[in-house]
């Protein structure tokens, strides 16, 4: 007796594309891990977290470490390591404001601003080249998928 074929339901039809999306998300996460590894081994390399921090500082100006952590979407403990690395690279300075000696203010240096702009240009060119076949609507849809994946990952 041969097995009865599984019925093709809408849920069944959706399983394959969702599985492909899951695999693509795992690949993106693995690529980020490789980038973080290069950033710790290669002088001048920036992880995505470093790049986010530089972008936040370029857009918002000097920030306390806690606020930088929130805006760069990282933890307070990780922000301390992040700032230490950016200070060592000469991308930021860490100062205590005169009006609040308990707080630490992180400020982008001219070298950090240059590095941020270089990274944005390289990333912009790479995205434009790799995604030139997608129209604005498809890019907005991809952006929404990535944002929803971030919410899902935060909930796991």
N, C-alpha and C. Protein backbone atom coordinates (compact mmCIF):
# COMPACT_ATOMS: atom_id res chain seq x y z
N UNK A 1 0.84 -1.16 0.00
CA UNK A 1 0.00 0.00 0.00
C UNK A 1 0.90 1.24 0.00
N UNK A 2 0.64 2.15 -0.90
CA UNK A 2 1.47 3.35 -0.98
C UNK A 2 0.93 4.42 -0.04
N UNK A 3 1.84 5.28 0.47
CA UNK A 3 1.37 6.31 1.40
C UNK A 3 0.48 7.32 0.68
N UNK A 4 -0.45 7.84 1.44
CA UNK A 4 -1.36 8.85 0.91
C UNK A 4 -0.60 10.17 0.86
N UNK A 5 -0.59 10.84 -0.31
CA UNK A 5 0.13 12.11 -0.38
C UNK A 5 -0.49 13.16 0.54
N UNK A 6 0.38 13.96 1.13
CA UNK A 6 -0.07 15.02 2.02
C UNK A 6 -0.83 16.07 1.21
N UNK A 7 -1.95 16.51 1.77
CA UNK A 7 -2.76 17.53 1.08
C UNK A 7 -1.99 18.85 1.02
N UNK A 8 -2.12 19.55 -0.09
CA UNK A 8 -1.44 20.83 -0.28
C UNK A 8 -2.36 21.93 0.25
N UNK A 9 -2.17 22.30 1.50
CA UNK A 9 -2.97 23.36 2.11
C UNK A 9 -2.22 24.68 2.01
N UNK A 10 -2.93 25.80 2.23
CA UNK A 10 -2.22 27.09 2.24
C UNK A 10 -1.07 27.12 3.25
N UNK A 11 -1.27 26.49 4.40
CA UNK A 11 -0.19 26.45 5.40
C UNK A 11 1.00 25.66 4.88
N UNK A 12 0.71 24.55 4.18
CA UNK A 12 1.78 23.73 3.61
C UNK A 12 2.53 24.51 2.54
N UNK A 13 1.80 25.23 1.70
CA UNK A 13 2.41 26.02 0.62
C UNK A 13 3.32 27.10 1.19
N UNK A 14 2.99 27.62 2.35
CA UNK A 14 3.75 28.71 2.96
C UNK A 14 5.01 28.21 3.68
N UNK A 15 5.03 26.94 4.02
CA UNK A 15 6.14 26.39 4.80
C UNK A 15 7.48 26.56 4.09
N UNK A 16 7.55 26.27 2.80
CA UNK A 16 8.82 26.34 2.06
C UNK A 16 9.38 27.76 2.00
N UNK A 17 8.57 28.78 1.67
CA UNK A 17 9.13 30.14 1.66
C UNK A 17 9.56 30.61 3.05
N UNK A 18 8.81 30.22 4.09
CA UNK A 18 9.21 30.61 5.44
C UNK A 18 10.49 29.90 5.86
N UNK A 19 10.64 28.64 5.44
CA UNK A 19 11.88 27.92 5.72
C UNK A 19 13.05 28.59 5.00
N UNK A 20 12.84 29.01 3.77
CA UNK A 20 13.90 29.71 3.03
C UNK A 20 14.26 31.02 3.72
N UNK A 21 13.26 31.74 4.24
CA UNK A 21 13.52 32.98 4.96
C UNK A 21 14.31 32.70 6.24
N UNK A 22 13.94 31.64 6.95
CA UNK A 22 14.67 31.27 8.16
C UNK A 22 16.13 30.97 7.85
N UNK A 23 16.37 30.22 6.79
CA UNK A 23 17.74 29.90 6.40
C UNK A 23 18.51 31.15 5.99
N UNK A 24 17.85 32.07 5.30
CA UNK A 24 18.51 33.33 4.92
C UNK A 24 18.84 34.16 6.16
N UNK A 25 17.94 34.16 7.14
CA UNK A 25 18.21 34.89 8.39
C UNK A 25 19.39 34.28 9.13
N UNK A 26 19.48 32.94 9.15
CA UNK A 26 20.64 32.28 9.76
C UNK A 26 21.92 32.66 9.02
N UNK A 27 21.85 32.71 7.71
CA UNK A 27 23.03 33.09 6.92
C UNK A 27 23.45 34.52 7.22
N UNK A 28 22.48 35.42 7.36
CA UNK A 28 22.79 36.81 7.70
C UNK A 28 23.44 36.89 9.08
N UNK A 29 22.91 36.14 10.03
CA UNK A 29 23.47 36.12 11.37
C UNK A 29 24.90 35.57 11.35
N UNK A 30 25.13 34.53 10.57
CA UNK A 30 26.48 33.96 10.46
C UNK A 30 27.44 34.95 9.80
N UNK A 31 26.97 35.67 8.79
CA UNK A 31 27.81 36.68 8.13
C UNK A 31 28.16 37.79 9.12
N UNK A 32 27.20 38.18 9.97
CA UNK A 32 27.47 39.19 10.99
C UNK A 32 28.53 38.68 11.97
N UNK A 33 28.43 37.42 12.37
CA UNK A 33 29.44 36.85 13.28
C UNK A 33 30.82 36.85 12.64
N UNK A 34 30.88 36.52 11.35
CA UNK A 34 32.18 36.56 10.66
C UNK A 34 32.72 37.98 10.61
N UNK A 35 31.83 38.94 10.37
CA UNK A 35 32.23 40.34 10.34
C UNK A 35 32.75 40.77 11.71
N UNK A 36 32.07 40.37 12.79
CA UNK A 36 32.55 40.69 14.14
C UNK A 36 33.92 40.09 14.36
N UNK A 37 34.13 38.86 13.89
CA UNK A 37 35.44 38.23 14.03
C UNK A 37 36.52 39.01 13.31
N UNK A 38 36.23 39.43 12.09
CA UNK A 38 37.21 40.23 11.34
C UNK A 38 37.48 41.55 12.05
N UNK A 39 36.44 42.13 12.63
CA UNK A 39 36.59 43.43 13.31
C UNK A 39 37.50 43.31 14.52
N UNK A 40 37.53 42.14 15.16
CA UNK A 40 38.41 41.98 16.32
C UNK A 40 39.82 41.61 15.91
N UNK A 41 40.01 41.11 14.70
CA UNK A 41 41.35 40.68 14.26
C UNK A 41 42.01 41.64 13.28
N UNK A 42 41.23 42.46 12.60
CA UNK A 42 41.76 43.27 11.51
C UNK A 42 41.75 44.74 11.90
N UNK A 43 42.91 45.38 11.94
CA UNK A 43 42.93 46.81 12.26
C UNK A 43 42.08 47.60 11.26
N UNK A 44 41.25 48.48 11.79
CA UNK A 44 40.43 49.33 10.93
C UNK A 44 39.09 48.74 10.55
N UNK A 45 38.89 47.44 10.78
CA UNK A 45 37.60 46.81 10.43
C UNK A 45 36.55 47.24 11.44
N UNK A 46 35.33 47.38 10.98
CA UNK A 46 34.21 47.75 11.85
C UNK A 46 33.16 46.66 11.84
N UNK A 47 32.74 46.25 13.03
CA UNK A 47 31.59 45.35 13.10
C UNK A 47 30.33 46.17 12.85
N UNK A 48 29.20 45.50 12.69
CA UNK A 48 27.95 46.23 12.52
C UNK A 48 27.62 47.03 13.77
N UNK A 49 27.97 46.51 14.94
CA UNK A 49 27.73 47.24 16.19
C UNK A 49 28.57 48.51 16.23
N UNK A 50 29.85 48.40 15.85
CA UNK A 50 30.70 49.60 15.78
C UNK A 50 30.10 50.61 14.81
N UNK A 51 29.70 50.13 13.64
CA UNK A 51 29.14 51.02 12.61
C UNK A 51 27.86 51.68 13.10
N UNK A 52 27.01 50.92 13.82
CA UNK A 52 25.78 51.51 14.37
C UNK A 52 26.11 52.61 15.37
N UNK A 53 27.09 52.36 16.23
CA UNK A 53 27.47 53.36 17.23
C UNK A 53 28.00 54.62 16.57
N UNK A 54 28.86 54.46 15.56
CA UNK A 54 29.38 55.63 14.86
C UNK A 54 28.25 56.40 14.17
N UNK A 55 27.32 55.67 13.60
CA UNK A 55 26.20 56.33 12.91
C UNK A 55 25.35 57.12 13.90
N UNK A 56 25.05 56.51 15.04
CA UNK A 56 24.25 57.19 16.06
C UNK A 56 24.95 58.47 16.50
N UNK A 57 26.25 58.39 16.78
CA UNK A 57 26.99 59.57 17.22
C UNK A 57 27.06 60.63 16.13
N UNK A 58 27.20 60.20 14.88
CA UNK A 58 27.24 61.16 13.77
C UNK A 58 25.89 61.86 13.62
N UNK A 59 24.81 61.15 13.86
CA UNK A 59 23.47 61.72 13.70
C UNK A 59 23.01 62.53 14.91
N UNK A 60 23.41 62.09 16.11
CA UNK A 60 22.86 62.70 17.32
C UNK A 60 23.86 63.51 18.13
N UNK A 61 25.14 63.38 17.83
CA UNK A 61 26.14 64.09 18.61
C UNK A 61 26.53 63.32 19.86
N UNK A 62 27.30 63.95 20.76
CA UNK A 62 27.78 63.26 21.96
C UNK A 62 26.63 62.70 22.80
N UNK A 63 26.85 61.50 23.34
CA UNK A 63 25.82 60.84 24.14
C UNK A 63 26.45 60.17 25.36
N UNK A 64 25.69 60.07 26.45
CA UNK A 64 26.14 59.23 27.56
C UNK A 64 26.18 57.77 27.10
N UNK A 65 27.03 56.98 27.73
CA UNK A 65 27.20 55.57 27.33
C UNK A 65 25.86 54.84 27.35
N UNK A 66 25.06 55.07 28.38
CA UNK A 66 23.77 54.37 28.49
C UNK A 66 22.87 54.69 27.29
N UNK A 67 22.81 55.95 26.91
CA UNK A 67 21.96 56.35 25.77
C UNK A 67 22.52 55.79 24.47
N UNK A 68 23.85 55.79 24.33
CA UNK A 68 24.48 55.21 23.14
C UNK A 68 24.13 53.73 23.04
N UNK A 69 24.17 53.03 24.16
CA UNK A 69 23.81 51.60 24.17
C UNK A 69 22.38 51.41 23.67
N UNK A 70 21.46 52.22 24.17
CA UNK A 70 20.06 52.11 23.74
C UNK A 70 19.92 52.37 22.25
N UNK A 71 20.52 53.45 21.79
CA UNK A 71 20.38 53.86 20.38
C UNK A 71 21.12 52.92 19.43
N UNK A 72 22.21 52.31 19.89
CA UNK A 72 22.96 51.37 19.06
C UNK A 72 22.44 49.94 19.22
N UNK A 73 21.37 49.80 20.01
CA UNK A 73 20.71 48.51 20.23
C UNK A 73 21.67 47.45 20.77
N UNK A 74 22.33 47.81 21.87
CA UNK A 74 23.22 46.87 22.54
C UNK A 74 23.02 47.01 24.04
N UNK A 75 23.62 46.13 24.82
CA UNK A 75 23.47 46.17 26.27
C UNK A 75 24.48 47.15 26.87
N UNK A 76 24.23 47.52 28.12
CA UNK A 76 25.16 48.41 28.81
C UNK A 76 26.55 47.82 28.93
N UNK A 77 26.63 46.54 29.29
CA UNK A 77 27.94 45.89 29.41
C UNK A 77 28.65 45.83 28.07
N UNK A 78 27.92 45.50 27.03
CA UNK A 78 28.53 45.44 25.70
C UNK A 78 28.92 46.84 25.23
N UNK A 79 28.16 47.85 25.65
CA UNK A 79 28.48 49.23 25.25
C UNK A 79 29.82 49.66 25.81
N UNK A 80 30.14 49.22 27.02
CA UNK A 80 31.44 49.57 27.61
C UNK A 80 32.56 49.01 26.75
N UNK A 81 32.46 47.74 26.36
CA UNK A 81 33.47 47.14 25.48
C UNK A 81 33.49 47.84 24.13
N UNK A 82 32.32 48.15 23.61
CA UNK A 82 32.20 48.84 22.33
C UNK A 82 32.93 50.18 22.38
N UNK A 83 32.64 50.97 23.40
CA UNK A 83 33.28 52.28 23.53
C UNK A 83 34.78 52.13 23.72
N UNK A 84 35.20 51.15 24.53
CA UNK A 84 36.64 50.92 24.71
C UNK A 84 37.33 50.68 23.37
N UNK A 85 36.73 49.83 22.54
CA UNK A 85 37.30 49.54 21.22
C UNK A 85 37.33 50.77 20.32
N UNK A 86 36.27 51.56 20.35
CA UNK A 86 36.21 52.76 19.52
C UNK A 86 37.20 53.82 20.01
N UNK A 87 37.42 53.88 21.33
CA UNK A 87 38.44 54.80 21.87
C UNK A 87 39.82 54.36 21.40
N UNK A 88 40.12 53.05 21.53
CA UNK A 88 41.43 52.53 21.08
C UNK A 88 41.68 52.81 19.61
N UNK A 89 40.63 52.75 18.80
CA UNK A 89 40.76 52.99 17.36
C UNK A 89 40.84 54.49 17.04
N UNK A 90 40.60 55.34 18.04
CA UNK A 90 40.64 56.77 17.81
C UNK A 90 39.36 57.32 17.20
N UNK A 91 38.27 56.54 17.24
CA UNK A 91 37.01 56.97 16.62
C UNK A 91 36.15 57.81 17.56
N UNK A 92 36.33 57.63 18.86
CA UNK A 92 35.55 58.39 19.84
C UNK A 92 36.44 58.79 21.01
N UNK A 93 35.96 59.77 21.76
CA UNK A 93 36.57 60.10 23.05
C UNK A 93 35.53 59.87 24.12
N UNK A 94 36.04 59.67 25.32
CA UNK A 94 35.17 59.46 26.48
C UNK A 94 35.54 60.56 27.48
N UNK A 95 34.55 61.33 27.89
CA UNK A 95 34.81 62.45 28.80
C UNK A 95 33.74 62.51 29.87
N UNK A 96 34.12 63.05 31.02
CA UNK A 96 33.15 63.28 32.09
C UNK A 96 32.74 64.75 32.04
N UNK A 97 31.46 65.01 31.85
CA UNK A 97 31.01 66.41 31.81
C UNK A 97 31.22 67.09 33.16
N UNK A 98 31.54 68.37 33.14
CA UNK A 98 31.77 69.11 34.38
C UNK A 98 30.52 69.15 35.26
N UNK A 99 29.35 69.18 34.63
CA UNK A 99 28.10 69.30 35.40
C UNK A 99 27.61 67.97 35.98
N UNK A 100 28.20 66.84 35.57
CA UNK A 100 27.80 65.52 36.09
C UNK A 100 28.99 64.59 36.01
N UNK A 101 29.79 64.56 37.06
CA UNK A 101 31.02 63.76 37.07
C UNK A 101 30.75 62.26 37.10
N UNK A 102 29.50 61.85 37.37
CA UNK A 102 29.18 60.42 37.39
C UNK A 102 28.94 59.89 35.98
N UNK A 103 28.60 60.77 35.07
CA UNK A 103 28.26 60.38 33.71
C UNK A 103 29.50 60.37 32.82
N UNK A 104 29.45 59.57 31.77
CA UNK A 104 30.52 59.54 30.77
C UNK A 104 29.89 59.87 29.43
N UNK A 105 30.44 60.88 28.76
CA UNK A 105 29.93 61.32 27.47
C UNK A 105 30.84 60.80 26.37
N UNK A 106 30.26 60.16 25.37
CA UNK A 106 31.02 59.61 24.24
C UNK A 106 30.84 60.57 23.07
N UNK A 107 31.98 60.99 22.50
CA UNK A 107 31.97 61.98 21.42
C UNK A 107 32.72 61.42 20.22
N UNK A 108 32.16 61.59 19.05
CA UNK A 108 32.80 61.17 17.80
C UNK A 108 33.98 62.09 17.49
N UNK A 109 35.11 61.51 17.15
CA UNK A 109 36.28 62.31 16.75
C UNK A 109 36.20 62.59 15.24
N UNK A 110 37.01 63.52 14.74
CA UNK A 110 37.05 63.72 13.29
C UNK A 110 37.42 62.43 12.55
N UNK A 111 38.34 61.64 13.12
CA UNK A 111 38.70 60.36 12.50
C UNK A 111 37.51 59.40 12.51
N UNK A 112 36.74 59.41 13.59
CA UNK A 112 35.55 58.56 13.67
C UNK A 112 34.49 58.97 12.67
N UNK A 113 34.33 60.28 12.48
CA UNK A 113 33.37 60.76 11.49
C UNK A 113 33.80 60.36 10.09
N UNK A 114 35.10 60.47 9.80
CA UNK A 114 35.61 60.03 8.48
C UNK A 114 35.36 58.55 8.28
N UNK A 115 35.65 57.74 9.31
CA UNK A 115 35.46 56.29 9.20
C UNK A 115 33.99 55.96 8.99
N UNK A 116 33.12 56.66 9.70
CA UNK A 116 31.67 56.47 9.53
C UNK A 116 31.27 56.77 8.09
N UNK A 117 31.71 57.88 7.58
CA UNK A 117 31.34 58.27 6.20
C UNK A 117 31.89 57.28 5.18
N UNK A 118 33.13 56.82 5.39
CA UNK A 118 33.71 55.81 4.49
C UNK A 118 32.86 54.54 4.50
N UNK A 119 32.52 54.07 5.69
CA UNK A 119 31.73 52.84 5.85
C UNK A 119 30.37 53.00 5.18
N UNK A 120 29.73 54.14 5.38
CA UNK A 120 28.42 54.38 4.78
C UNK A 120 28.52 54.37 3.25
N UNK A 121 29.58 54.95 2.70
CA UNK A 121 29.75 54.96 1.25
C UNK A 121 29.96 53.55 0.72
N UNK A 122 30.83 52.79 1.37
CA UNK A 122 31.10 51.41 0.94
C UNK A 122 29.83 50.57 1.03
N UNK A 123 29.13 50.67 2.15
CA UNK A 123 27.90 49.90 2.32
C UNK A 123 26.84 50.34 1.32
N UNK A 124 26.72 51.65 1.11
CA UNK A 124 25.74 52.16 0.15
C UNK A 124 26.00 51.64 -1.26
N UNK A 125 27.27 51.66 -1.67
CA UNK A 125 27.61 51.14 -3.00
C UNK A 125 27.32 49.65 -3.10
N UNK A 126 27.69 48.90 -2.06
CA UNK A 126 27.47 47.45 -2.08
C UNK A 126 25.97 47.13 -2.14
N UNK A 127 25.18 47.82 -1.34
CA UNK A 127 23.73 47.60 -1.37
C UNK A 127 23.14 47.96 -2.72
N UNK A 128 23.56 49.11 -3.25
CA UNK A 128 23.03 49.54 -4.54
C UNK A 128 23.36 48.54 -5.63
N UNK A 129 24.59 48.05 -5.62
CA UNK A 129 25.01 47.09 -6.65
C UNK A 129 24.28 45.75 -6.50
N UNK A 130 24.22 45.25 -5.28
CA UNK A 130 23.62 43.93 -5.06
C UNK A 130 22.10 43.94 -5.22
N UNK A 131 21.48 45.09 -4.96
CA UNK A 131 20.02 45.14 -4.95
C UNK A 131 19.43 46.02 -6.05
N UNK A 132 20.24 46.32 -7.06
CA UNK A 132 19.77 47.23 -8.12
C UNK A 132 18.56 46.69 -8.88
N UNK A 133 18.36 45.38 -8.87
CA UNK A 133 17.22 44.80 -9.57
C UNK A 133 15.90 44.96 -8.82
N UNK A 134 15.97 45.42 -7.57
CA UNK A 134 14.75 45.60 -6.77
C UNK A 134 14.27 47.04 -6.84
N UNK A 135 12.95 47.20 -6.99
CA UNK A 135 12.40 48.56 -6.99
C UNK A 135 12.19 49.03 -5.54
N UNK A 136 11.79 50.28 -5.39
CA UNK A 136 11.63 50.86 -4.06
C UNK A 136 10.61 50.10 -3.22
N UNK A 137 9.54 49.63 -3.84
CA UNK A 137 8.52 48.88 -3.11
C UNK A 137 9.10 47.58 -2.56
N UNK A 138 9.89 46.88 -3.35
CA UNK A 138 10.51 45.64 -2.89
C UNK A 138 11.50 45.92 -1.76
N UNK A 139 12.24 47.02 -1.87
CA UNK A 139 13.18 47.38 -0.81
C UNK A 139 12.45 47.72 0.49
N UNK A 140 11.33 48.42 0.38
CA UNK A 140 10.53 48.72 1.58
C UNK A 140 9.99 47.43 2.20
N UNK A 141 9.57 46.48 1.36
CA UNK A 141 9.08 45.20 1.87
C UNK A 141 10.20 44.43 2.56
N UNK A 142 11.39 44.44 1.98
CA UNK A 142 12.54 43.76 2.60
C UNK A 142 12.88 44.40 3.93
N UNK A 143 12.81 45.73 3.98
CA UNK A 143 13.07 46.45 5.22
C UNK A 143 12.08 46.03 6.30
N UNK A 144 10.82 45.92 5.94
CA UNK A 144 9.79 45.52 6.89
C UNK A 144 10.03 44.08 7.38
N UNK A 145 10.41 43.19 6.49
CA UNK A 145 10.71 41.81 6.89
C UNK A 145 11.86 41.79 7.89
N UNK A 146 12.92 42.54 7.61
CA UNK A 146 14.07 42.57 8.53
C UNK A 146 13.67 43.13 9.89
N UNK A 147 12.87 44.17 9.90
CA UNK A 147 12.42 44.75 11.19
C UNK A 147 11.57 43.74 11.97
N UNK A 148 10.70 43.03 11.27
CA UNK A 148 9.87 42.02 11.95
C UNK A 148 10.72 40.86 12.46
N UNK A 149 11.74 40.47 11.69
CA UNK A 149 12.65 39.43 12.17
C UNK A 149 13.36 39.88 13.45
N UNK A 150 13.75 41.15 13.51
CA UNK A 150 14.41 41.66 14.72
C UNK A 150 13.48 41.53 15.93
N UNK A 151 12.20 41.85 15.74
CA UNK A 151 11.23 41.73 16.83
C UNK A 151 11.09 40.26 17.24
N UNK A 152 11.01 39.37 16.25
CA UNK A 152 10.91 37.93 16.55
C UNK A 152 12.14 37.47 17.33
N UNK A 153 13.33 37.83 16.87
CA UNK A 153 14.56 37.41 17.55
C UNK A 153 14.62 37.96 18.97
N UNK A 154 14.17 39.21 19.17
CA UNK A 154 14.16 39.77 20.52
C UNK A 154 13.21 39.01 21.43
N UNK A 155 12.19 38.38 20.85
CA UNK A 155 11.23 37.63 21.65
C UNK A 155 11.61 36.18 21.91
N UNK A 156 12.65 35.70 21.28
CA UNK A 156 13.04 34.29 21.47
C UNK A 156 13.80 34.09 22.77
